[in-house]
Amino acid sequence: MLAFLGDYTIQNVAIGAALLGIISGVLGCFAVLRKQSLLGDTLSHAALPGVCLGFIVAGARDLGAILTGALATGALAALVVLALTRNSRLKTDAALGIALSLFFAVGIVLLTYIQRLGNAAQGGLDSFLFGQAAAILRGDLWVMGGITLVAVALVAALWKELKLVTFDPVFAASLGLPVLALEVVLTVMIALAVVVGLQMVGVVLMAAMVIAPAVAARQWTGRLESMVVLSALIGMAAGVFGALVSALNRGLATGPLIVLAVSALVLVSLLVAPGRGLLWEAVRHRRAARNLKSQQVLTTLYRLAAHHGAAGYRSEQGSLDTYHGLHTRRALARLAARGLVAPVRHMPQEAVHWRLTPAGVAEAERVLGRLDEERA
């Protein structure tokens, strides 16, 4: 195992995946909370023309030039989205769709143009569409690490401002904060995250890395500070796991495995996260339905007793079943376990009857009183 982890290529891929998980996890939180989940998809597709332009300018597959071009076109697409939403009646989703399709179309045209040039250095350039993690070199890691460090440092330096703009931009503007400038900085930083992930997972899958860790983290906490840290850890864990699985199974692409790993973490979080998980929600719903049924039976017994002018009036179980259109045996058993009702025999040959206990009368009056207050 130590020999396996000591492999040069595996080390590069694992470190690159960890860096990608950190930057996408941190910055993706702001995109999710600002309800701009499509922003990562738009910026990743908008990076393709920058990849092509970087190659054309450098004349070779130089990672620095390619990432610079990707950042430039990604940032430009972000500014186009901001301009469209602020200066037109277009909603954010429409502006994102326009920018995504326009920039990606330009990127495909430029990619086709490069392929017709006959430049031998273009080999593997189309790998930026789906990623090629095995091609990452140690020098590339320094570039990715530098970008990650800059992005995280900016978030730390502008933490209070970014937090306020994310949750209440109107209040932030009333305090005199440059809301537009902060939104531009935040959007450009998300473009930085996209740039880091281009070689690892590619243009097509990068959107998942921006959004998925933040979505998973959001299920476990209600505080932004905890969400950012947890999102970074989830992104890093998914990245390293996907990279190691890819290394153990030759022929399996690293990028898709990373996305599958982080998607699995999202699914688990959606299902079992305390307070927000779907399973907990199903348990609460079932419990609420049971309580409602018990309250309905209890108040029915109370009204029947009030109608007959006897607090200890005995109601037949069959009558209760007919009234509610359901079997009330379980509800009555739960009420009896709580000491609110008691079974009685009206006559030996007849079915079980039920009456309210003093505690049941008090509970029924409390429930009916609360219902009256809600109606008022």
Protein backbone atom coordinates (compact mmCIF):
# COMPACT_ATOMS: atom_id res chain seq x y z
CA MET A 1 0.00 0.00 0.00
CA LEU A 2 2.85 2.38 0.84
CA ALA A 3 4.47 1.58 -2.50
CA PHE A 4 1.14 2.33 -4.18
CA LEU A 5 0.81 5.71 -2.45
CA GLY A 6 4.42 6.46 -3.28
CA ASP A 7 3.69 6.40 -7.01
CA TYR A 8 4.50 9.80 -8.54
CA THR A 9 1.38 10.00 -10.74
CA ILE A 10 -0.96 8.89 -7.96
CA GLN A 11 0.48 11.48 -5.62
CA ASN A 12 -0.05 14.23 -8.20
CA VAL A 13 -3.63 13.19 -8.90
CA ALA A 14 -4.53 12.85 -5.20
CA ILE A 15 -3.03 16.24 -4.27
CA GLY A 16 -4.69 17.91 -7.25
CA ALA A 17 -8.04 16.37 -6.32
CA ALA A 18 -7.65 17.57 -2.73
CA LEU A 19 -6.89 21.12 -3.88
CA LEU A 20 -9.90 21.02 -6.19
CA GLY A 21 -12.12 19.82 -3.34
CA ILE A 22 -10.97 22.63 -1.04
CA ILE A 23 -11.47 25.53 -3.43
CA SER A 24 -14.72 24.27 -4.94
CA GLY A 25 -16.10 23.41 -1.51
CA VAL A 26 -15.35 26.83 -0.04
CA LEU A 27 -16.58 28.94 -2.97
CA GLY A 28 -19.49 26.67 -3.87
CA CYS A 29 -21.15 27.53 -0.55
CA PHE A 30 -21.66 31.12 -1.65
CA ALA A 31 -23.06 30.07 -5.03
CA VAL A 32 -25.56 27.71 -3.38
CA LEU A 33 -26.66 30.21 -0.74
CA ARG A 34 -27.07 32.94 -3.36
CA LYS A 35 -29.32 30.54 -5.35
CA GLN A 36 -26.89 30.54 -8.26
CA SER A 37 -26.33 26.82 -8.57
CA LEU A 38 -26.14 27.11 -12.36
CA LEU A 39 -23.27 29.57 -12.05
CA GLY A 40 -20.67 26.80 -11.80
CA ASP A 41 -22.09 25.13 -14.90
CA THR A 42 -22.02 28.39 -16.81
CA LEU A 43 -18.49 29.35 -15.82
CA SER A 44 -17.10 25.88 -16.52
CA HIS A 45 -18.54 25.85 -20.03
CA ALA A 46 -17.45 29.45 -20.55
CA ALA A 47 -13.88 28.43 -19.75
CA LEU A 48 -13.59 26.36 -22.94
CA PRO A 49 -12.97 29.30 -25.31
CA GLY A 50 -10.33 30.55 -22.86
CA VAL A 51 -8.62 27.16 -23.00
CA CYS A 52 -8.51 27.39 -26.79
CA LEU A 53 -7.33 31.01 -26.81
CA GLY A 54 -4.60 30.21 -24.30
CA PHE A 55 -3.37 27.43 -26.56
CA ILE A 56 -3.46 29.65 -29.65
CA VAL A 57 -1.51 32.44 -27.92
CA ALA A 58 1.08 30.11 -26.39
CA GLY A 59 1.33 27.90 -29.45
CA ALA A 60 1.62 24.89 -27.17
CA ARG A 61 -0.24 23.08 -24.43
CA ASP A 62 1.12 25.37 -21.71
CA LEU A 63 -0.97 25.01 -18.54
CA GLY A 64 -0.30 28.55 -17.31
CA ALA A 65 -1.49 30.14 -20.57
CA ILE A 66 -4.48 27.81 -20.79
CA LEU A 67 -5.62 28.46 -17.23
CA THR A 68 -5.15 32.21 -17.69
CA GLY A 69 -7.33 32.13 -20.78
CA ALA A 70 -9.92 30.00 -19.00
CA LEU A 71 -10.03 32.44 -16.10
CA ALA A 72 -10.40 35.40 -18.47
CA THR A 73 -13.36 33.97 -20.41
CA GLY A 74 -14.94 32.55 -17.27
CA ALA A 75 -14.75 35.94 -15.56
CA LEU A 76 -16.08 37.61 -18.73
CA ALA A 77 -19.06 35.25 -18.75
CA ALA A 78 -19.71 36.09 -15.11
CA LEU A 79 -19.67 39.80 -15.89
CA VAL A 80 -22.04 39.22 -18.81
CA VAL A 81 -24.47 37.47 -16.44
CA LEU A 82 -24.27 40.35 -13.94
CA ALA A 83 -24.78 42.91 -16.69
CA LEU A 84 -27.80 41.10 -18.10
CA THR A 85 -29.50 40.67 -14.73
CA ARG A 86 -28.87 44.27 -13.63
CA ASN A 87 -29.59 46.09 -16.90
CA SER A 88 -32.45 44.05 -18.35
CA ARG A 89 -35.58 42.26 -17.25
CA LEU A 90 -33.97 38.85 -17.62
CA LYS A 91 -33.95 36.60 -14.58
CA THR A 92 -30.72 35.06 -13.35
CA ASP A 93 -31.44 31.61 -14.80
CA ALA A 94 -32.09 33.07 -18.27
CA ALA A 95 -28.89 35.12 -18.15
CA LEU A 96 -26.91 32.06 -17.07
CA GLY A 97 -28.38 30.02 -19.91
CA ILE A 98 -27.50 32.69 -22.47
CA ALA A 99 -23.92 33.00 -21.26
CA LEU A 100 -23.44 29.22 -21.06
CA SER A 101 -24.67 28.50 -24.59
CA LEU A 102 -22.89 31.48 -26.16
CA PHE A 103 -19.46 30.90 -24.66
CA PHE A 104 -19.58 27.13 -25.05
CA ALA A 105 -20.51 27.51 -28.72
CA VAL A 106 -17.55 29.84 -29.23
CA GLY A 107 -15.32 27.31 -27.47
CA ILE A 108 -16.45 24.46 -29.74
CA VAL A 109 -15.80 26.62 -32.82
CA LEU A 110 -12.30 27.50 -31.58
CA LEU A 111 -11.58 23.86 -30.71
CA THR A 112 -12.58 22.83 -34.24
CA TYR A 113 -10.37 25.58 -35.67
CA ILE A 114 -7.37 24.40 -33.64
CA GLN A 115 -7.87 20.80 -34.78
CA ARG A 116 -7.66 21.97 -38.40
CA LEU A 117 -4.38 23.80 -37.84
CA GLY A 118 -2.37 20.59 -37.86
CA ASN A 119 -0.34 21.66 -34.81
CA ALA A 120 1.06 18.51 -33.22
CA ALA A 121 0.95 20.19 -29.79
CA GLN A 122 -2.86 20.19 -29.85
CA GLY A 123 -2.92 16.51 -28.85
CA GLY A 124 -5.00 16.02 -25.74
CA LEU A 125 -6.43 19.54 -25.79
CA ASP A 126 -9.96 18.16 -26.01
CA SER A 127 -9.27 16.38 -22.71
CA PHE A 128 -10.26 19.63 -21.00
CA LEU A 129 -13.85 18.73 -21.88
CA PHE A 130 -13.85 15.68 -19.59
CA GLY A 131 -10.57 16.04 -17.70
CA GLN A 132 -7.35 14.06 -17.77
CA ALA A 133 -6.08 13.82 -14.23
CA ALA A 134 -3.21 11.49 -15.09
CA ALA A 135 -1.59 14.27 -17.14
CA ILE A 136 -1.13 16.51 -14.07
CA LEU A 137 2.51 17.27 -13.31
CA ARG A 138 4.13 18.49 -10.11
CA GLY A 139 4.52 21.96 -11.65
CA ASP A 140 0.78 22.02 -12.37
CA LEU A 141 0.14 21.40 -8.69
CA TRP A 142 2.05 24.53 -7.75
CA VAL A 143 -0.20 26.53 -10.08
CA MET A 144 -3.35 24.91 -8.68
CA GLY A 145 -2.12 25.35 -5.12
CA GLY A 146 -1.35 29.03 -5.71
CA ILE A 147 -4.83 29.66 -7.12
CA THR A 148 -6.44 27.80 -4.21
CA LEU A 149 -4.39 29.75 -1.68
CA VAL A 150 -5.32 33.10 -3.26
CA ALA A 151 -9.04 32.22 -3.35
CA VAL A 152 -9.16 31.00 0.26
CA ALA A 153 -7.16 34.03 1.44
CA LEU A 154 -9.60 36.39 -0.31
CA VAL A 155 -12.55 34.66 1.32
CA ALA A 156 -10.90 34.98 4.73
CA ALA A 157 -10.04 38.65 4.18
CA LEU A 158 -13.53 39.59 2.94
CA TRP A 159 -15.44 37.16 5.15
CA LYS A 160 -17.81 39.63 6.84
CA GLU A 161 -18.54 41.50 3.62
CA LEU A 162 -19.15 38.36 1.56
CA LYS A 163 -21.35 36.92 4.29
CA LEU A 164 -23.50 40.04 4.41
CA VAL A 165 -23.78 40.32 0.62
CA THR A 166 -24.76 36.65 0.40
CA PHE A 167 -27.59 36.82 2.93
CA ASP A 168 -28.84 40.42 2.67
CA PRO A 169 -27.43 42.49 -0.24
CA VAL A 170 -30.00 45.27 0.33
CA PHE A 171 -28.86 45.79 3.92
CA ALA A 172 -25.23 45.60 2.79
CA ALA A 173 -25.89 48.40 0.28
CA SER A 174 -27.56 50.49 2.99
CA LEU A 175 -24.34 50.20 5.02
CA GLY A 176 -22.38 51.62 2.12
CA LEU A 177 -20.68 48.40 1.07
CA PRO A 178 -19.77 48.10 -2.64
CA VAL A 179 -22.23 45.27 -3.31
CA LEU A 180 -21.59 45.10 -7.06
CA ALA A 181 -17.83 44.97 -6.58
CA LEU A 182 -18.16 42.25 -3.95
CA GLU A 183 -20.45 40.22 -6.22
CA VAL A 184 -17.92 40.55 -9.03
CA VAL A 185 -15.08 39.42 -6.74
CA LEU A 186 -17.10 36.45 -5.51
CA THR A 187 -18.09 35.42 -9.02
CA VAL A 188 -14.53 35.72 -10.31
CA MET A 189 -13.35 33.55 -7.42
CA ILE A 190 -15.85 30.88 -8.43
CA ALA A 191 -14.31 31.15 -11.89
CA LEU A 192 -10.96 30.48 -10.18
CA ALA A 193 -12.39 27.26 -8.73
CA VAL A 194 -13.52 26.24 -12.19
CA VAL A 195 -10.04 26.91 -13.56
CA VAL A 196 -8.46 24.68 -10.91
CA GLY A 197 -10.74 21.78 -11.84
CA LEU A 198 -10.47 21.93 -15.61
CA GLN A 199 -7.63 19.46 -15.97
CA MET A 200 -8.94 17.25 -13.16
CA VAL A 201 -12.64 16.78 -14.05
CA GLY A 202 -13.07 18.86 -17.20
CA VAL A 203 -15.52 21.48 -18.40
CA VAL A 204 -18.57 19.22 -18.47
CA LEU A 205 -18.33 17.81 -14.93
CA MET A 206 -16.88 20.82 -13.11
CA ALA A 207 -20.33 22.18 -12.25
CA ALA A 208 -20.91 19.21 -9.93
CA MET A 209 -17.73 19.96 -7.98
CA VAL A 210 -18.79 23.57 -7.39
CA ILE A 211 -22.27 22.71 -6.16
CA ALA A 212 -22.29 19.19 -4.69
CA PRO A 213 -19.96 19.64 -1.65
CA ALA A 214 -21.87 22.75 -0.58
CA VAL A 215 -25.24 21.01 -0.98
CA ALA A 216 -24.03 18.09 1.13
CA ALA A 217 -22.60 20.37 3.82
CA ARG A 218 -25.79 22.45 3.97
CA GLN A 219 -27.74 19.42 5.18
CA TRP A 220 -25.57 19.04 8.28
CA THR A 221 -25.31 22.61 9.57
CA GLY A 222 -27.12 25.93 9.65
CA ARG A 223 -24.05 28.15 10.13
CA LEU A 224 -22.01 29.51 7.23
CA GLU A 225 -18.71 29.05 9.06
CA SER A 226 -19.35 25.36 9.68
CA MET A 227 -20.79 24.91 6.20
CA VAL A 228 -17.68 26.28 4.48
CA VAL A 229 -15.30 24.08 6.50
CA LEU A 230 -17.45 20.98 6.09
CA SER A 231 -17.92 21.62 2.37
CA ALA A 232 -14.15 21.87 1.88
CA LEU A 233 -13.64 18.60 3.78
CA ILE A 234 -16.35 16.84 1.76
CA GLY A 235 -14.89 18.09 -1.51
CA MET A 236 -11.38 17.06 -0.49
CA ALA A 237 -12.49 13.60 0.69
CA ALA A 238 -14.46 12.95 -2.49
CA GLY A 239 -11.58 14.13 -4.65
CA VAL A 240 -8.97 11.94 -2.97
CA PHE A 241 -11.31 8.94 -2.86
CA GLY A 242 -12.16 9.23 -6.55
CA ALA A 243 -8.50 9.62 -7.45
CA LEU A 244 -7.46 6.54 -5.45
CA VAL A 245 -10.27 4.39 -6.85
CA SER A 246 -9.26 5.43 -10.36
CA ALA A 247 -5.64 4.52 -9.63
CA LEU A 248 -6.63 1.09 -8.28
CA ASN A 249 -8.80 0.34 -11.31
CA ARG A 250 -6.89 1.16 -14.44
CA GLY A 251 -9.10 2.39 -17.24
CA LEU A 252 -11.62 4.21 -15.04
CA ALA A 253 -11.59 7.98 -15.57
CA THR A 254 -10.69 10.02 -12.50
CA GLY A 255 -13.01 12.98 -13.09
CA PRO A 256 -16.26 11.01 -13.31
CA LEU A 257 -15.26 8.93 -10.27
CA ILE A 258 -14.69 12.09 -8.24
CA VAL A 259 -18.09 13.41 -9.27
CA LEU A 260 -19.73 10.07 -8.43
CA ALA A 261 -18.05 10.09 -5.01
CA VAL A 262 -19.23 13.58 -4.14
CA SER A 263 -22.70 12.78 -5.51
CA ALA A 264 -22.85 9.75 -3.21
CA LEU A 265 -22.01 12.01 -0.26
CA VAL A 266 -24.79 14.37 -1.32
CA LEU A 267 -27.25 11.47 -1.47
CA VAL A 268 -26.25 10.23 1.99
CA SER A 269 -26.53 13.76 3.40
CA LEU A 270 -29.97 14.27 1.86
CA LEU A 271 -31.15 11.00 3.38
CA VAL A 272 -29.71 10.89 6.90
CA ALA A 273 -28.55 14.38 7.93
CA PRO A 274 -30.07 15.14 11.37
CA GLY A 275 -32.96 17.57 11.19
CA ARG A 276 -32.93 17.86 7.39
CA GLY A 277 -32.58 14.31 6.05
CA LEU A 278 -35.43 12.79 4.07
CA LEU A 279 -35.53 9.76 6.36
CA TRP A 280 -35.90 11.98 9.43
CA GLU A 281 -38.56 13.97 7.60
CA ALA A 282 -40.44 10.75 6.83
CA VAL A 283 -40.26 9.74 10.52
CA ARG A 284 -41.55 13.18 11.58
CA HIS A 285 -44.35 13.01 9.03
CA ARG A 286 -45.39 9.55 10.17
CA ARG A 287 -45.27 10.64 13.82
CA ALA A 288 -47.33 13.74 13.08
CA ALA A 289 -49.90 11.66 11.20
CA ARG A 290 -50.18 9.27 14.14
CA ASN A 291 -50.57 12.15 16.60
CA LEU A 292 -53.20 13.77 14.41
CA LYS A 293 -55.18 10.54 14.21
CA SER A 294 -54.99 10.12 17.99
CA GLN A 295 -56.14 13.71 18.54
CA GLN A 296 -59.08 13.20 16.16
CA VAL A 297 -60.24 10.11 18.04
CA LEU A 298 -59.74 11.82 21.40
CA THR A 299 -61.77 14.90 20.45
CA THR A 300 -64.49 12.70 18.96
CA LEU A 301 -64.84 10.88 22.28
CA TYR A 302 -64.98 14.25 24.05
CA ARG A 303 -67.69 15.62 21.75
CA LEU A 304 -69.77 12.46 22.09
CA ALA A 305 -69.50 12.70 25.88
CA ALA A 306 -70.45 16.39 25.80
CA HIS A 307 -73.39 15.66 23.51
CA HIS A 308 -74.74 13.05 25.92
CA GLY A 309 -73.96 15.19 28.95
CA ALA A 310 -71.82 12.54 30.63
CA ALA A 311 -68.06 12.83 31.03
CA GLY A 312 -67.76 9.07 31.33
CA TYR A 313 -69.90 8.31 28.28
CA ARG A 314 -68.96 4.98 26.70
CA SER A 315 -68.47 5.01 22.92
CA GLU A 316 -68.46 1.81 20.89
CA GLN A 317 -65.30 1.19 18.88
CA GLY A 318 -67.33 0.26 15.79
CA SER A 319 -69.03 3.67 15.89
CA LEU A 320 -65.67 5.39 16.04
CA ASP A 321 -64.46 3.34 13.06
CA THR A 322 -67.57 4.33 11.10
CA TYR A 323 -67.18 8.01 12.01
CA HIS A 324 -63.53 8.28 10.99
CA GLY A 325 -63.66 5.89 8.06
CA LEU A 326 -60.62 4.01 9.38
CA HIS A 327 -59.63 1.48 11.97
CA THR A 328 -59.10 3.32 15.24
CA ARG A 329 -57.70 0.38 17.21
CA ARG A 330 -54.09 1.59 17.07
CA ALA A 331 -55.01 5.17 17.90
CA LEU A 332 -57.06 4.02 20.89
CA ALA A 333 -54.22 1.76 22.03
CA ARG A 334 -51.82 4.74 21.95
CA LEU A 335 -54.29 6.89 23.88
CA ALA A 336 -54.82 4.12 26.44
CA ALA A 337 -51.05 3.78 26.88
CA ARG A 338 -50.93 7.47 27.73
CA GLY A 339 -53.79 7.06 30.24
CA LEU A 340 -56.19 9.27 28.25
CA VAL A 341 -58.85 6.63 27.50
CA ALA A 342 -59.88 3.35 29.08
CA PRO A 343 -61.67 0.30 27.63
CA VAL A 344 -64.95 -0.74 29.25
CA ARG A 345 -67.55 -3.45 28.69
CA HIS A 346 -71.00 -1.99 28.24
CA MET A 347 -72.61 -5.41 28.15
CA PRO A 348 -70.92 -8.85 28.08
CA GLN A 349 -72.22 -9.70 24.62
CA GLU A 350 -71.27 -6.38 23.05
CA ALA A 351 -67.98 -5.13 21.62
CA VAL A 352 -65.46 -3.05 23.55
CA HIS A 353 -66.50 0.48 24.44
CA TRP A 354 -64.20 3.38 25.32
CA ARG A 355 -64.47 6.28 27.73
CA LEU A 356 -62.32 9.27 28.52
CA THR A 357 -60.31 9.37 31.72
CA PRO A 358 -60.01 12.67 33.65
CA ALA A 359 -56.60 13.16 32.03
CA GLY A 360 -58.20 12.50 28.63
CA VAL A 361 -60.87 15.13 29.26
CA ALA A 362 -58.19 17.70 30.14
CA GLU A 363 -56.10 16.80 27.08
CA ALA A 364 -59.12 16.99 24.74
CA GLU A 365 -60.04 20.42 26.12
CA ARG A 366 -56.45 21.57 25.59
CA VAL A 367 -56.44 20.37 21.98
CA LEU A 368 -59.80 21.95 21.18
CA GLY A 369 -58.76 25.19 22.85
CA ARG A 370 -55.61 25.35 20.73
CA LEU A 371 -57.66 24.72 17.56
CA ASP A 372 -60.02 27.56 18.49
CA GLU A 373 -57.08 29.90 19.00
CA GLU A 374 -55.64 28.97 15.59
CA ARG A 375 -58.97 29.64 13.89
CA ALA A 376 -59.26 33.01 15.65
